[in-house]
Amino acid sequence: SFVATGVDPAVMGIGPAVAIPAAVKAAGLEANDIDLFEINEV
């Protein structure tokens, strides 16, 4: 699955807080279905 989302660049570093729930929902899953999140914000 794929999802595109973003946050204001003034608040750099919180992108995963928005992107992860959106991607999980797009995949038809819930956060509890995932054992490990590896986050690499570039």
PDB file of N, CA and C in Angstrom:
ATOM      1  N   SER A   1       0.837  -1.185   0.000  1.00  0.00           N
ATOM      2  CA  SER A   1       0.000   0.000   0.000  1.00  0.00           C
ATOM      3  C   SER A   1       0.877   1.241   0.000  1.00  0.00           C
ATOM      4  N   PHE A   2       0.269   2.364  -0.299  1.00  0.00           N
ATOM      5  CA  PHE A   2       1.004   3.619  -0.395  1.00  0.00           C
ATOM      6  C   PHE A   2       0.121   4.750   0.092  1.00  0.00           C
ATOM      7  N   VAL A   3       0.725   5.692   0.774  1.00  0.00           N
ATOM      8  CA  VAL A   3      -0.001   6.884   1.207  1.00  0.00           C
ATOM      9  C   VAL A   3       0.957   8.065   1.167  1.00  0.00           C
ATOM     10  N   ALA A   4       0.434   9.233   0.817  1.00  0.00           N
ATOM     11  CA  ALA A   4       1.247  10.453   0.819  1.00  0.00           C
ATOM     12  C   ALA A   4       0.651  11.434   1.817  1.00  0.00           C
ATOM     13  N   THR A   5       1.482  11.932   2.692  1.00  0.00           N
ATOM     14  CA  THR A   5       1.050  12.907   3.691  1.00  0.00           C
ATOM     15  C   THR A   5       2.245  13.770   4.049  1.00  0.00           C
ATOM     16  N   GLY A   6       2.023  14.820   4.764  1.00  0.00           N
ATOM     17  CA  GLY A   6       3.140  15.680   5.120  1.00  0.00           C
ATOM     18  C   GLY A   6       2.795  16.623   6.257  1.00  0.00           C
ATOM     19  N   VAL A   7       3.804  17.299   6.735  1.00  0.00           N
ATOM     20  CA  VAL A   7       3.640  18.289   7.796  1.00  0.00           C
ATOM     21  C   VAL A   7       4.407  19.548   7.400  1.00  0.00           C
ATOM     22  N   ASP A   8       4.103  20.632   8.057  1.00  0.00           N
ATOM     23  CA  ASP A   8       4.794  21.893   7.828  1.00  0.00           C
ATOM     24  C   ASP A   8       6.282  21.720   8.124  1.00  0.00           C
ATOM     25  N   PRO A   9       7.159  22.142   7.226  1.00  0.00           N
ATOM     26  CA  PRO A   9       8.594  21.997   7.466  1.00  0.00           C
ATOM     27  C   PRO A   9       9.084  22.676   8.744  1.00  0.00           C
ATOM     28  N   ALA A  10       8.326  23.614   9.259  1.00  0.00           N
ATOM     29  CA  ALA A  10       8.716  24.286  10.504  1.00  0.00           C
ATOM     30  C   ALA A  10       8.704  23.335  11.696  1.00  0.00           C
ATOM     31  N   VAL A  11       8.008  22.223  11.566  1.00  0.00           N
ATOM     32  CA  VAL A  11       7.928  21.243  12.651  1.00  0.00           C
ATOM     33  C   VAL A  11       8.622  19.942  12.232  1.00  0.00           C
ATOM     34  N   MET A  12       9.791  20.085  11.647  1.00  0.00           N
ATOM     35  CA  MET A  12      10.579  18.944  11.175  1.00  0.00           C
ATOM     36  C   MET A  12      10.774  17.908  12.274  1.00  0.00           C
ATOM     37  N   GLY A  13      10.651  16.666  11.892  1.00  0.00           N
ATOM     38  CA  GLY A  13      10.882  15.575  12.829  1.00  0.00           C
ATOM     39  C   GLY A  13       9.625  14.865  13.275  1.00  0.00           C
ATOM     40  N   ILE A  14       8.455  15.462  13.043  1.00  0.00           N
ATOM     41  CA  ILE A  14       7.224  14.797  13.475  1.00  0.00           C
ATOM     42  C   ILE A  14       6.510  14.095  12.325  1.00  0.00           C
ATOM     43  N   GLY A  15       7.132  14.064  11.149  1.00  0.00           N
ATOM     44  CA  GLY A  15       6.525  13.410   9.994  1.00  0.00           C
ATOM     45  C   GLY A  15       6.050  11.991  10.262  1.00  0.00           C
ATOM     46  N   PRO A  16       6.854  11.146  10.920  1.00  0.00           N
ATOM     47  CA  PRO A  16       6.408   9.785  11.190  1.00  0.00           C
ATOM     48  C   PRO A  16       5.140   9.710  12.047  1.00  0.00           C
ATOM     49  N   ALA A  17       4.926  10.698  12.905  1.00  0.00           N
ATOM     50  CA  ALA A  17       3.725  10.695  13.751  1.00  0.00           C
ATOM     51  C   ALA A  17       2.462  10.843  12.917  1.00  0.00           C
ATOM     52  N   VAL A  18       2.583  11.433  11.745  1.00  0.00           N
ATOM     53  CA  VAL A  18       1.450  11.593  10.832  1.00  0.00           C
ATOM     54  C   VAL A  18       1.436  10.464   9.803  1.00  0.00           C
ATOM     55  N   ALA A  19       2.612  10.117   9.292  1.00  0.00           N
ATOM     56  CA  ALA A  19       2.709   9.147   8.209  1.00  0.00           C
ATOM     57  C   ALA A  19       2.407   7.716   8.637  1.00  0.00           C
ATOM     58  N   ILE A  20       2.856   7.324   9.814  1.00  0.00           N
ATOM     59  CA  ILE A  20       2.666   5.935  10.244  1.00  0.00           C
ATOM     60  C   ILE A  20       1.189   5.577  10.377  1.00  0.00           C
ATOM     61  N   PRO A  21       0.381   6.346  11.106  1.00  0.00           N
ATOM     62  CA  PRO A  21      -1.040   5.989  11.188  1.00  0.00           C
ATOM     63  C   PRO A  21      -1.728   5.974   9.821  1.00  0.00           C
ATOM     64  N   ALA A  22      -1.354   6.896   8.934  1.00  0.00           N
ATOM     65  CA  ALA A  22      -1.958   6.926   7.604  1.00  0.00           C
ATOM     66  C   ALA A  22      -1.580   5.685   6.800  1.00  0.00           C
ATOM     67  N   ALA A  23      -0.315   5.282   6.856  1.00  0.00           N
ATOM     68  CA  ALA A  23       0.134   4.100   6.116  1.00  0.00           C
ATOM     69  C   ALA A  23      -0.470   2.819   6.675  1.00  0.00           C
ATOM     70  N   VAL A  24      -0.554   2.732   7.986  1.00  0.00           N
ATOM     71  CA  VAL A  24      -1.144   1.549   8.624  1.00  0.00           C
ATOM     72  C   VAL A  24      -2.609   1.415   8.211  1.00  0.00           C
ATOM     73  N   LYS A  25      -3.336   2.523   8.242  1.00  0.00           N
ATOM     74  CA  LYS A  25      -4.752   2.500   7.859  1.00  0.00           C
ATOM     75  C   LYS A  25      -4.913   2.133   6.385  1.00  0.00           C
ATOM     76  N   ALA A  26      -4.056   2.686   5.519  1.00  0.00           N
ATOM     77  CA  ALA A  26      -4.130   2.386   4.089  1.00  0.00           C
ATOM     78  C   ALA A  26      -3.874   0.914   3.809  1.00  0.00           C
ATOM     79  N   ALA A  27      -3.087   0.273   4.660  1.00  0.00           N
ATOM     80  CA  ALA A  27      -2.788  -1.150   4.495  1.00  0.00           C
ATOM     81  C   ALA A  27      -3.880  -2.039   5.077  1.00  0.00           C
ATOM     82  N   GLY A  28      -4.893  -1.413   5.687  1.00  0.00           N
ATOM     83  CA  GLY A  28      -5.972  -2.199   6.279  1.00  0.00           C
ATOM     84  C   GLY A  28      -5.579  -2.843   7.592  1.00  0.00           C
ATOM     85  N   LEU A  29      -4.603  -2.259   8.266  1.00  0.00           N
ATOM     86  CA  LEU A  29      -4.105  -2.807   9.523  1.00  0.00           C
ATOM     87  C   LEU A  29      -4.366  -1.833  10.664  1.00  0.00           C
ATOM     88  N   GLU A  30      -3.999  -2.275  11.864  1.00  0.00           N
ATOM     89  CA  GLU A  30      -3.988  -1.421  13.040  1.00  0.00           C
ATOM     90  C   GLU A  30      -2.572  -1.437  13.592  1.00  0.00           C
ATOM     91  N   ALA A  31      -2.200  -0.409  14.325  1.00  0.00           N
ATOM     92  CA  ALA A  31      -0.840  -0.321  14.862  1.00  0.00           C
ATOM     93  C   ALA A  31      -0.484  -1.554  15.687  1.00  0.00           C
ATOM     94  N   ASN A  32      -1.453  -2.138  16.366  1.00  0.00           N
ATOM     95  CA  ASN A  32      -1.198  -3.333  17.181  1.00  0.00           C
ATOM     96  C   ASN A  32      -0.841  -4.556  16.341  1.00  0.00           C
ATOM     97  N   ASP A  33      -1.111  -4.513  15.031  1.00  0.00           N
ATOM     98  CA  ASP A  33      -0.776  -5.623  14.146  1.00  0.00           C
ATOM     99  C   ASP A  33       0.711  -5.649  13.786  1.00  0.00           C
ATOM    100  N   ILE A  34       1.426  -4.583  14.091  1.00  0.00           N
ATOM    101  CA  ILE A  34       2.825  -4.448  13.698  1.00  0.00           C
ATOM    102  C   ILE A  34       3.709  -4.600  14.929  1.00  0.00           C
ATOM    103  N   ASP A  35       4.670  -5.511  14.841  1.00  0.00           N
ATOM    104  CA  ASP A  35       5.547  -5.796  15.981  1.00  0.00           C
ATOM    105  C   ASP A  35       6.644  -4.758  16.165  1.00  0.00           C
ATOM    106  N   LEU A  36       7.173  -4.221  15.061  1.00  0.00           N
ATOM    107  CA  LEU A  36       8.322  -3.325  15.156  1.00  0.00           C
ATOM    108  C   LEU A  36       8.241  -2.267  14.061  1.00  0.00           C
ATOM    109  N   PHE A  37       8.418  -1.023  14.440  1.00  0.00           N
ATOM    110  CA  PHE A  37       8.516   0.077  13.485  1.00  0.00           C
ATOM    111  C   PHE A  37       9.970   0.524  13.438  1.00  0.00           C
ATOM    112  N   GLU A  38      10.560   0.574  12.249  1.00  0.00           N
ATOM    113  CA  GLU A  38      11.896   1.138  12.077  1.00  0.00           C
ATOM    114  C   GLU A  38      11.718   2.484  11.389  1.00  0.00           C
ATOM    115  N   ILE A  39      12.056   3.549  12.092  1.00  0.00           N
ATOM    116  CA  ILE A  39      11.806   4.902  11.596  1.00  0.00           C
ATOM    117  C   ILE A  39      13.120   5.540  11.198  1.00  0.00           C
ATOM    118  N   ASN A  40      13.179   6.015   9.958  1.00  0.00           N
ATOM    119  CA  ASN A  40      14.364   6.696   9.450  1.00  0.00           C
ATOM    120  C   ASN A  40      13.897   7.954   8.740  1.00  0.00           C
ATOM    121  N   GLU A  41      13.853   9.057   9.458  1.00  0.00           N
ATOM    122  CA  GLU A  41      13.447  10.336   8.862  1.00  0.00           C
ATOM    123  C   GLU A  41      14.675  11.004   8.283  1.00  0.00           C
ATOM    124  N   VAL A  42      14.666  11.192   6.985  1.00  0.00           N
ATOM    125  CA  VAL A  42      15.813  11.794   6.298  1.00  0.00           C
ATOM    126  C   VAL A  42      15.550  13.250   6.035  1.00  0.00           C
TER     127      VAL A  42
END
